[in-house]
PDB file of N, CA and C in Angstrom:
ATOM      1  N   MET A   1      83.784 -51.054 -26.402  1.00  0.00           N
ATOM      2  CA  MET A   1      83.491 -49.850 -25.922  1.00  0.00           C
ATOM      3  C   MET A   1      84.400 -49.103 -24.960  1.00  0.00           C
ATOM      4  N   ALA A   2      84.892 -47.974 -25.411  1.00  0.00           N
ATOM      5  CA  ALA A   2      85.730 -47.184 -24.639  1.00  0.00           C
ATOM      6  C   ALA A   2      85.125 -46.659 -23.533  1.00  0.00           C
ATOM      7  N   LEU A   3      85.832 -46.350 -22.324  1.00  0.00           N
ATOM      8  CA  LEU A   3      85.483 -45.548 -21.078  1.00  0.00           C
ATOM      9  C   LEU A   3      85.198 -44.447 -21.627  1.00  0.00           C
ATOM     10  N   CYS A   4      85.838 -43.599 -22.497  1.00  0.00           N
ATOM     11  CA  CYS A   4      85.638 -42.319 -22.703  1.00  0.00           C
ATOM     12  C   CYS A   4      84.251 -42.164 -23.459  1.00  0.00           C
ATOM     13  N   ASN A   5      84.064 -43.071 -24.209  1.00  0.00           N
ATOM     14  CA  ASN A   5      82.681 -42.973 -24.900  1.00  0.00           C
ATOM     15  C   ASN A   5      81.513 -42.927 -23.902  1.00  0.00           C
ATOM     16  N   LEU A   6      81.597 -43.996 -22.939  1.00  0.00           N
ATOM     17  CA  LEU A   6      80.747 -43.985 -22.029  1.00  0.00           C
ATOM     18  C   LEU A   6      80.554 -42.679 -21.160  1.00  0.00           C
ATOM     19  N   ARG A   7      81.721 -41.995 -20.753  1.00  0.00           N
ATOM     20  CA  ARG A   7      81.666 -40.749 -20.122  1.00  0.00           C
ATOM     21  C   ARG A   7      80.870 -39.725 -20.906  1.00  0.00           C
ATOM     22  N   ASN A   8      81.379 -39.718 -22.266  1.00  0.00           N
ATOM     23  CA  ASN A   8      80.670 -38.807 -23.222  1.00  0.00           C
ATOM     24  C   ASN A   8      79.111 -38.840 -22.916  1.00  0.00           C
ATOM     25  N   TRP A   9      78.609 -40.056 -23.017  1.00  0.00           N
ATOM     26  CA  TRP A   9      77.158 -40.349 -23.056  1.00  0.00           C
ATOM     27  C   TRP A   9      76.461 -39.796 -21.567  1.00  0.00           C
ATOM     28  N   GLN A  10      77.224 -40.130 -20.610  1.00  0.00           N
ATOM     29  CA  GLN A  10      76.814 -39.675 -19.343  1.00  0.00           C
ATOM     30  C   GLN A  10      76.695 -38.242 -19.234  1.00  0.00           C
ATOM     31  N   ILE A  11      77.843 -37.502 -19.867  1.00  0.00           N
ATOM     32  CA  ILE A  11      77.511 -36.077 -19.958  1.00  0.00           C
ATOM     33  C   ILE A  11      76.369 -35.672 -20.794  1.00  0.00           C
ATOM     34  N   ILE A  12      76.348 -36.304 -21.893  1.00  0.00           N
ATOM     35  CA  ILE A  12      75.118 -35.930 -22.954  1.00  0.00           C
ATOM     36  C   ILE A  12      73.771 -36.400 -22.016  1.00  0.00           C
ATOM     37  N   ALA A  13      73.732 -37.302 -21.326  1.00  0.00           N
ATOM     38  CA  ALA A  13      72.519 -37.599 -20.713  1.00  0.00           C
ATOM     39  C   ALA A  13      72.123 -36.660 -19.737  1.00  0.00           C
ATOM     40  N   CYS A  14      73.135 -36.158 -18.828  1.00  0.00           N
ATOM     41  CA  CYS A  14      72.939 -34.887 -17.833  1.00  0.00           C
ATOM     42  C   CYS A  14      72.492 -33.708 -18.497  1.00  0.00           C
ATOM     43  N   MET A  15      73.091 -33.395 -19.638  1.00  0.00           N
ATOM     44  CA  MET A  15      72.826 -32.036 -20.451  1.00  0.00           C
ATOM     45  C   MET A  15      71.512 -32.194 -21.059  1.00  0.00           C
ATOM     46  N   SER A  16      71.076 -33.433 -21.341  1.00  0.00           N
ATOM     47  CA  SER A  16      69.667 -33.557 -22.254  1.00  0.00           C
ATOM     48  C   SER A  16      68.621 -33.195 -21.143  1.00  0.00           C
ATOM     49  N   ALA A  17      68.763 -33.367 -19.817  1.00  0.00           N
ATOM     50  CA  ALA A  17      67.793 -33.069 -18.885  1.00  0.00           C
ATOM     51  C   ALA A  17      67.727 -31.776 -18.468  1.00  0.00           C
ATOM     52  N   ALA A  18      68.721 -31.002 -19.077  1.00  0.00           N
ATOM     53  CA  ALA A  18      68.875 -29.750 -18.425  1.00  0.00           C
ATOM     54  C   ALA A  18      68.610 -28.416 -19.619  1.00  0.00           C
ATOM     55  N   PHE A  19      69.059 -28.868 -20.811  1.00  0.00           N
ATOM     56  CA  PHE A  19      69.155 -27.893 -21.947  1.00  0.00           C
ATOM     57  C   PHE A  19      68.654 -28.428 -23.031  1.00  0.00           C
ATOM     58  N   LEU A  20      67.784 -27.588 -23.834  1.00  0.00           N
ATOM     59  CA  LEU A  20      67.243 -27.870 -25.026  1.00  0.00           C
ATOM     60  C   LEU A  20      68.071 -27.393 -26.094  1.00  0.00           C
ATOM     61  N   PRO A  21      68.783 -28.319 -26.899  1.00  0.00           N
ATOM     62  CA  PRO A  21      69.679 -27.755 -28.021  1.00  0.00           C
ATOM     63  C   PRO A  21      69.003 -27.057 -29.170  1.00  0.00           C
ATOM     64  N   SER A  22      69.560 -26.270 -29.994  1.00  0.00           N
ATOM     65  CA  SER A  22      68.848 -25.828 -31.222  1.00  0.00           C
ATOM     66  C   SER A  22      68.461 -26.831 -32.203  1.00  0.00           C
ATOM     67  N   ARG A  23      67.662 -26.631 -32.997  1.00  0.00           N
ATOM     68  CA  ARG A  23      67.257 -27.599 -34.046  1.00  0.00           C
ATOM     69  C   ARG A  23      68.236 -28.419 -34.715  1.00  0.00           C
ATOM     70  N   ASN A  24      69.391 -27.569 -35.103  1.00  0.00           N
ATOM     71  CA  ASN A  24      70.208 -28.281 -35.980  1.00  0.00           C
ATOM     72  C   ASN A  24      71.217 -29.302 -35.031  1.00  0.00           C
ATOM     73  N   ILE A  25      71.358 -28.676 -33.959  1.00  0.00           N
ATOM     74  CA  ILE A  25      72.109 -29.643 -33.112  1.00  0.00           C
ATOM     75  C   ILE A  25      71.469 -30.823 -32.507  1.00  0.00           C
ATOM     76  N   LEU A  26      70.079 -30.682 -32.216  1.00  0.00           N
ATOM     77  CA  LEU A  26      69.073 -31.820 -31.956  1.00  0.00           C
ATOM     78  C   LEU A  26      69.056 -32.736 -33.099  1.00  0.00           C
ATOM     79  N   ARG A  27      68.969 -32.462 -34.207  1.00  0.00           N
ATOM     80  CA  ARG A  27      69.177 -33.509 -35.457  1.00  0.00           C
ATOM     81  C   ARG A  27      70.249 -34.169 -35.409  1.00  0.00           C
ATOM     82  N   TYR A  28      71.421 -33.414 -35.180  1.00  0.00           N
ATOM     83  CA  TYR A  28      72.707 -34.338 -35.037  1.00  0.00           C
ATOM     84  C   TYR A  28      72.654 -35.222 -33.803  1.00  0.00           C
ATOM     85  N   ILE A  29      72.392 -34.826 -32.622  1.00  0.00           N
ATOM     86  CA  ILE A  29      72.047 -35.639 -31.467  1.00  0.00           C
ATOM     87  C   ILE A  29      71.273 -36.925 -31.751  1.00  0.00           C
ATOM     88  N   ARG A  30      70.241 -36.617 -32.445  1.00  0.00           N
ATOM     89  CA  ARG A  30      69.143 -37.683 -32.881  1.00  0.00           C
ATOM     90  C   ARG A  30      69.834 -38.804 -33.494  1.00  0.00           C
ATOM     91  N   PHE A  31      70.694 -38.329 -34.479  1.00  0.00           N
ATOM     92  CA  PHE A  31      71.545 -39.159 -35.555  1.00  0.00           C
ATOM     93  C   PHE A  31      72.434 -39.947 -34.737  1.00  0.00           C
ATOM     94  N   HIS A  32      73.038 -39.166 -33.808  1.00  0.00           N
ATOM     95  CA  HIS A  32      74.086 -40.019 -33.237  1.00  0.00           C
ATOM     96  C   HIS A  32      73.461 -41.077 -32.302  1.00  0.00           C
ATOM     97  N   ILE A  33      72.434 -40.697 -31.488  1.00  0.00           N
ATOM     98  CA  ILE A  33      71.846 -41.781 -30.546  1.00  0.00           C
ATOM     99  C   ILE A  33      71.365 -42.917 -31.394  1.00  0.00           C
ATOM    100  N   ASN A  34      70.625 -42.744 -32.634  1.00  0.00           N
ATOM    101  CA  ASN A  34      70.244 -43.866 -33.282  1.00  0.00           C
ATOM    102  C   ASN A  34      71.461 -44.743 -33.823  1.00  0.00           C
ATOM    103  N   ARG A  35      72.620 -44.101 -34.254  1.00  0.00           N
ATOM    104  CA  ARG A  35      73.844 -44.797 -34.675  1.00  0.00           C
ATOM    105  C   ARG A  35      74.346 -45.614 -33.665  1.00  0.00           C
ATOM    106  N   SER A  36      74.500 -44.978 -32.438  1.00  0.00           N
ATOM    107  CA  SER A  36      75.104 -45.631 -31.367  1.00  0.00           C
ATOM    108  C   SER A  36      74.363 -46.827 -30.750  1.00  0.00           C
ATOM    109  N   VAL A  37      72.927 -46.639 -30.684  1.00  0.00           N
ATOM    110  CA  VAL A  37      72.190 -47.740 -30.230  1.00  0.00           C
ATOM    111  C   VAL A  37      72.253 -48.980 -31.221  1.00  0.00           C
ATOM    112  N   SER A  38      72.183 -48.596 -32.550  1.00  0.00           N
ATOM    113  CA  SER A  38      72.252 -49.699 -33.652  1.00  0.00           C
ATOM    114  C   SER A  38      73.629 -50.390 -33.588  1.00  0.00           C
ATOM    115  N   MET A  39      74.559 -49.539 -33.301  1.00  0.00           N
ATOM    116  CA  MET A  39      76.025 -50.210 -33.276  1.00  0.00           C
ATOM    117  C   MET A  39      76.485 -50.885 -32.137  1.00  0.00           C
ATOM    118  N   TYR A  40      76.017 -50.445 -31.090  1.00  0.00           N
ATOM    119  CA  TYR A  40      76.227 -50.947 -29.783  1.00  0.00           C
ATOM    120  C   TYR A  40      75.096 -51.346 -28.994  1.00  0.00           C
ATOM    121  N   PRO A  41      74.420 -52.316 -29.378  1.00  0.00           N
ATOM    122  CA  PRO A  41      73.027 -52.558 -28.594  1.00  0.00           C
ATOM    123  C   PRO A  41      73.305 -53.560 -27.357  1.00  0.00           C
ATOM    124  N   ASP A  42      72.600 -53.248 -26.424  1.00  0.00           N
ATOM    125  CA  ASP A  42      72.834 -54.093 -25.056  1.00  0.00           C
ATOM    126  C   ASP A  42      74.169 -53.536 -24.358  1.00  0.00           C
ATOM    127  N   THR A  43      74.492 -52.336 -24.371  1.00  0.00           N
ATOM    128  CA  THR A  43      75.603 -51.820 -23.795  1.00  0.00           C
ATOM    129  C   THR A  43      75.150 -50.716 -22.860  1.00  0.00           C
ATOM    130  N   GLN A  44      75.921 -50.284 -22.064  1.00  0.00           N
ATOM    131  CA  GLN A  44      75.678 -49.181 -21.233  1.00  0.00           C
ATOM    132  C   GLN A  44      75.651 -47.924 -21.891  1.00  0.00           C
ATOM    133  N   MET A  45      76.348 -47.597 -22.889  1.00  0.00           N
ATOM    134  CA  MET A  45      76.331 -46.743 -23.904  1.00  0.00           C
ATOM    135  C   MET A  45      75.116 -46.583 -24.589  1.00  0.00           C
ATOM    136  N   ALA A  46      74.524 -47.599 -24.924  1.00  0.00           N
ATOM    137  CA  ALA A  46      73.238 -47.701 -25.744  1.00  0.00           C
ATOM    138  C   ALA A  46      72.184 -47.301 -24.858  1.00  0.00           C
ATOM    139  N   LYS A  47      72.307 -47.709 -23.654  1.00  0.00           N
ATOM    140  CA  LYS A  47      71.168 -47.158 -22.555  1.00  0.00           C
ATOM    141  C   LYS A  47      71.216 -45.779 -22.196  1.00  0.00           C
ATOM    142  N   TYR A  48      72.504 -45.308 -22.101  1.00  0.00           N
ATOM    143  CA  TYR A  48      72.569 -43.838 -21.920  1.00  0.00           C
ATOM    144  C   TYR A  48      72.090 -43.089 -23.090  1.00  0.00           C
ATOM    145  N   ALA A  49      72.304 -43.517 -24.264  1.00  0.00           N
ATOM    146  CA  ALA A  49      71.651 -42.973 -25.522  1.00  0.00           C
ATOM    147  C   ALA A  49      70.171 -42.834 -25.554  1.00  0.00           C
ATOM    148  N   GLU A  50      69.766 -44.093 -25.128  1.00  0.00           N
ATOM    149  CA  GLU A  50      68.074 -44.290 -25.170  1.00  0.00           C
ATOM    150  C   GLU A  50      67.624 -43.257 -24.104  1.00  0.00           C
ATOM    151  N   TYR A  51      68.284 -43.246 -22.943  1.00  0.00           N
ATOM    152  CA  TYR A  51      67.894 -42.258 -21.845  1.00  0.00           C
ATOM    153  C   TYR A  51      67.820 -40.732 -22.455  1.00  0.00           C
ATOM    154  N   THR A  52      68.932 -40.612 -22.988  1.00  0.00           N
ATOM    155  CA  THR A  52      69.007 -39.194 -23.792  1.00  0.00           C
ATOM    156  C   THR A  52      67.933 -38.860 -24.587  1.00  0.00           C
ATOM    157  N   ALA A  53      67.510 -39.871 -25.540  1.00  0.00           N
ATOM    158  CA  ALA A  53      66.483 -39.670 -26.523  1.00  0.00           C
ATOM    159  C   ALA A  53      65.105 -39.243 -26.004  1.00  0.00           C
ATOM    160  N   GLU A  54      64.818 -40.037 -24.705  1.00  0.00           N
ATOM    161  CA  GLU A  54      63.690 -39.839 -24.047  1.00  0.00           C
ATOM    162  C   GLU A  54      63.629 -38.594 -23.331  1.00  0.00           C
ATOM    163  N   SER A  55      64.823 -38.275 -22.644  1.00  0.00           N
ATOM    164  CA  SER A  55      64.801 -37.166 -21.826  1.00  0.00           C
ATOM    165  C   SER A  55      64.642 -35.876 -22.822  1.00  0.00           C
ATOM    166  N   LEU A  56      65.264 -35.984 -24.094  1.00  0.00           N
ATOM    167  CA  LEU A  56      65.048 -34.806 -25.170  1.00  0.00           C
ATOM    168  C   LEU A  56      63.523 -34.663 -25.491  1.00  0.00           C
ATOM    169  N   LYS A  57      62.767 -35.693 -25.311  1.00  0.00           N
ATOM    170  CA  LYS A  57      61.514 -35.432 -25.748  1.00  0.00           C
ATOM    171  C   LYS A  57      60.650 -34.632 -24.682  1.00  0.00           C
ATOM    172  N   ARG A  58      61.223 -34.862 -23.379  1.00  0.00           N
ATOM    173  CA  ARG A  58      60.461 -34.450 -22.144  1.00  0.00           C
ATOM    174  C   ARG A  58      61.218 -32.915 -21.705  1.00  0.00           C
ATOM    175  N   THR A  59      62.303 -32.479 -22.294  1.00  0.00           N
ATOM    176  CA  THR A  59      63.074 -31.398 -21.827  1.00  0.00           C
ATOM    177  C   THR A  59      62.454 -30.195 -22.435  1.00  0.00           C
ATOM    178  N   LYS A  60      62.232 -29.060 -21.561  1.00  0.00           N
ATOM    179  CA  LYS A  60      61.523 -27.841 -21.811  1.00  0.00           C
ATOM    180  C   LYS A  60      62.857 -26.750 -21.504  1.00  0.00           C
ATOM    181  N   THR A  61      62.581 -25.771 -22.059  1.00  0.00           N
ATOM    182  CA  THR A  61      63.622 -24.607 -21.512  1.00  0.00           C
ATOM    183  C   THR A  61      63.677 -24.388 -20.150  1.00  0.00           C
ATOM    184  N   ARG A  62      64.820 -24.295 -19.358  1.00  0.00           N
ATOM    185  CA  ARG A  62      64.828 -24.174 -18.093  1.00  0.00           C
ATOM    186  C   ARG A  62      65.479 -22.741 -17.864  1.00  0.00           C
ATOM    187  N   GLU A  63      65.098 -22.225 -16.743  1.00  0.00           N
ATOM    188  CA  GLU A  63      65.597 -20.985 -16.332  1.00  0.00           C
ATOM    189  C   GLU A  63      67.023 -21.122 -15.359  1.00  0.00           C
ATOM    190  N   PHE A  64      67.061 -22.451 -14.748  1.00  0.00           N
ATOM    191  CA  PHE A  64      68.389 -22.540 -14.019  1.00  0.00           C
ATOM    192  C   PHE A  64      69.030 -23.764 -14.403  1.00  0.00           C
ATOM    193  N   VAL A  65      70.366 -23.884 -14.093  1.00  0.00           N
ATOM    194  CA  VAL A  65      71.143 -25.007 -14.403  1.00  0.00           C
ATOM    195  C   VAL A  65      70.778 -26.166 -13.562  1.00  0.00           C
ATOM    196  N   PRO A  66      71.039 -27.322 -13.799  1.00  0.00           N
ATOM    197  CA  PRO A  66      70.783 -28.399 -13.124  1.00  0.00           C
ATOM    198  C   PRO A  66      71.431 -28.567 -11.704  1.00  0.00           C
ATOM    199  N   CYS A  67      70.992 -28.766 -10.682  1.00  0.00           N
ATOM    200  CA  CYS A  67      71.711 -28.848  -9.398  1.00  0.00           C
ATOM    201  C   CYS A  67      72.516 -30.180  -9.251  1.00  0.00           C
ATOM    202  N   ARG A  68      73.352 -30.158  -8.441  1.00  0.00           N
ATOM    203  CA  ARG A  68      74.256 -31.397  -8.222  1.00  0.00           C
ATOM    204  C   ARG A  68      73.501 -32.518  -7.946  1.00  0.00           C
ATOM    205  N   ASP A  69      72.489 -32.485  -7.199  1.00  0.00           N
ATOM    206  CA  ASP A  69      71.703 -33.654  -6.723  1.00  0.00           C
ATOM    207  C   ASP A  69      71.071 -34.187  -7.924  1.00  0.00           C
ATOM    208  N   GLU A  70      70.570 -33.244  -8.988  1.00  0.00           N
ATOM    209  CA  GLU A  70      69.819 -33.852 -10.239  1.00  0.00           C
ATOM    210  C   GLU A  70      70.903 -34.687 -10.961  1.00  0.00           C
ATOM    211  N   ILE A  71      72.115 -34.136 -11.039  1.00  0.00           N
ATOM    212  CA  ILE A  71      73.145 -34.894 -11.867  1.00  0.00           C
ATOM    213  C   ILE A  71      73.357 -36.035 -11.343  1.00  0.00           C
ATOM    214  N   ILE A  72      73.751 -36.101  -9.845  1.00  0.00           N
ATOM    215  CA  ILE A  72      74.199 -37.185  -9.234  1.00  0.00           C
ATOM    216  C   ILE A  72      72.995 -38.283  -9.357  1.00  0.00           C
ATOM    217  N   TYR A  73      71.618 -37.919  -9.393  1.00  0.00           N
ATOM    218  CA  TYR A  73      70.612 -38.722  -9.479  1.00  0.00           C
ATOM    219  C   TYR A  73      70.743 -39.550 -10.769  1.00  0.00           C
ATOM    220  N   ILE A  74      70.999 -38.805 -11.832  1.00  0.00           N
ATOM    221  CA  ILE A  74      71.174 -39.326 -13.222  1.00  0.00           C
ATOM    222  C   ILE A  74      72.135 -40.366 -13.332  1.00  0.00           C
ATOM    223  N   MET A  75      73.265 -40.199 -12.633  1.00  0.00           N
ATOM    224  CA  MET A  75      74.553 -40.961 -12.747  1.00  0.00           C
ATOM    225  C   MET A  75      74.136 -42.089 -11.804  1.00  0.00           C
ATOM    226  N   VAL A  76      73.847 -42.132 -10.642  1.00  0.00           N
ATOM    227  CA  VAL A  76      73.542 -43.106  -9.809  1.00  0.00           C
ATOM    228  C   VAL A  76      72.374 -44.116 -10.371  1.00  0.00           C
ATOM    229  N   MET A  77      71.241 -43.339 -10.831  1.00  0.00           N
ATOM    230  CA  MET A  77      70.152 -44.112 -11.235  1.00  0.00           C
ATOM    231  C   MET A  77      70.437 -45.110 -12.417  1.00  0.00           C
ATOM    232  N   TYR A  78      71.086 -44.370 -13.417  1.00  0.00           N
ATOM    233  CA  TYR A  78      71.454 -45.315 -14.628  1.00  0.00           C
ATOM    234  C   TYR A  78      72.476 -46.495 -14.346  1.00  0.00           C
ATOM    235  N   ASN A  79      73.311 -46.155 -13.343  1.00  0.00           N
ATOM    236  CA  ASN A  79      74.455 -47.273 -12.963  1.00  0.00           C
ATOM    237  C   ASN A  79      73.678 -48.389 -12.357  1.00  0.00           C
ATOM    238  N   ASP A  80      72.920 -48.047 -11.418  1.00  0.00           N
ATOM    239  CA  ASP A  80      72.086 -48.970 -10.815  1.00  0.00           C
ATOM    240  C   ASP A  80      70.940 -49.849 -11.562  1.00  0.00           C
ATOM    241  N   TYR A  81      70.385 -49.105 -12.796  1.00  0.00           N
ATOM    242  CA  TYR A  81      69.641 -49.649 -13.512  1.00  0.00           C
ATOM    243  C   TYR A  81      70.331 -50.508 -14.614  1.00  0.00           C
ATOM    244  N   ILE A  82      71.561 -50.340 -15.051  1.00  0.00           N
ATOM    245  CA  ILE A  82      72.270 -51.048 -16.045  1.00  0.00           C
ATOM    246  C   ILE A  82      72.926 -52.369 -15.235  1.00  0.00           C
TER     247      ILE A  82
END
């Protein structure tokens, strides 16, 4: 697993808590989540993908972008969890 792939999933995890993508993009993201989890089980990348999937189920449209504290919480929480 490349570090850049992990960083990409961290960014997607942060964005999934803040923005609800369009239906077409959401379909692509879900496909990519399922593929990443099945190809790389028991990795940090799979855990971020699973978090993203759960986050997308809960995310509603937001009026404001996430604050710095929200982004740091996601990064720290998952690094401690994994």
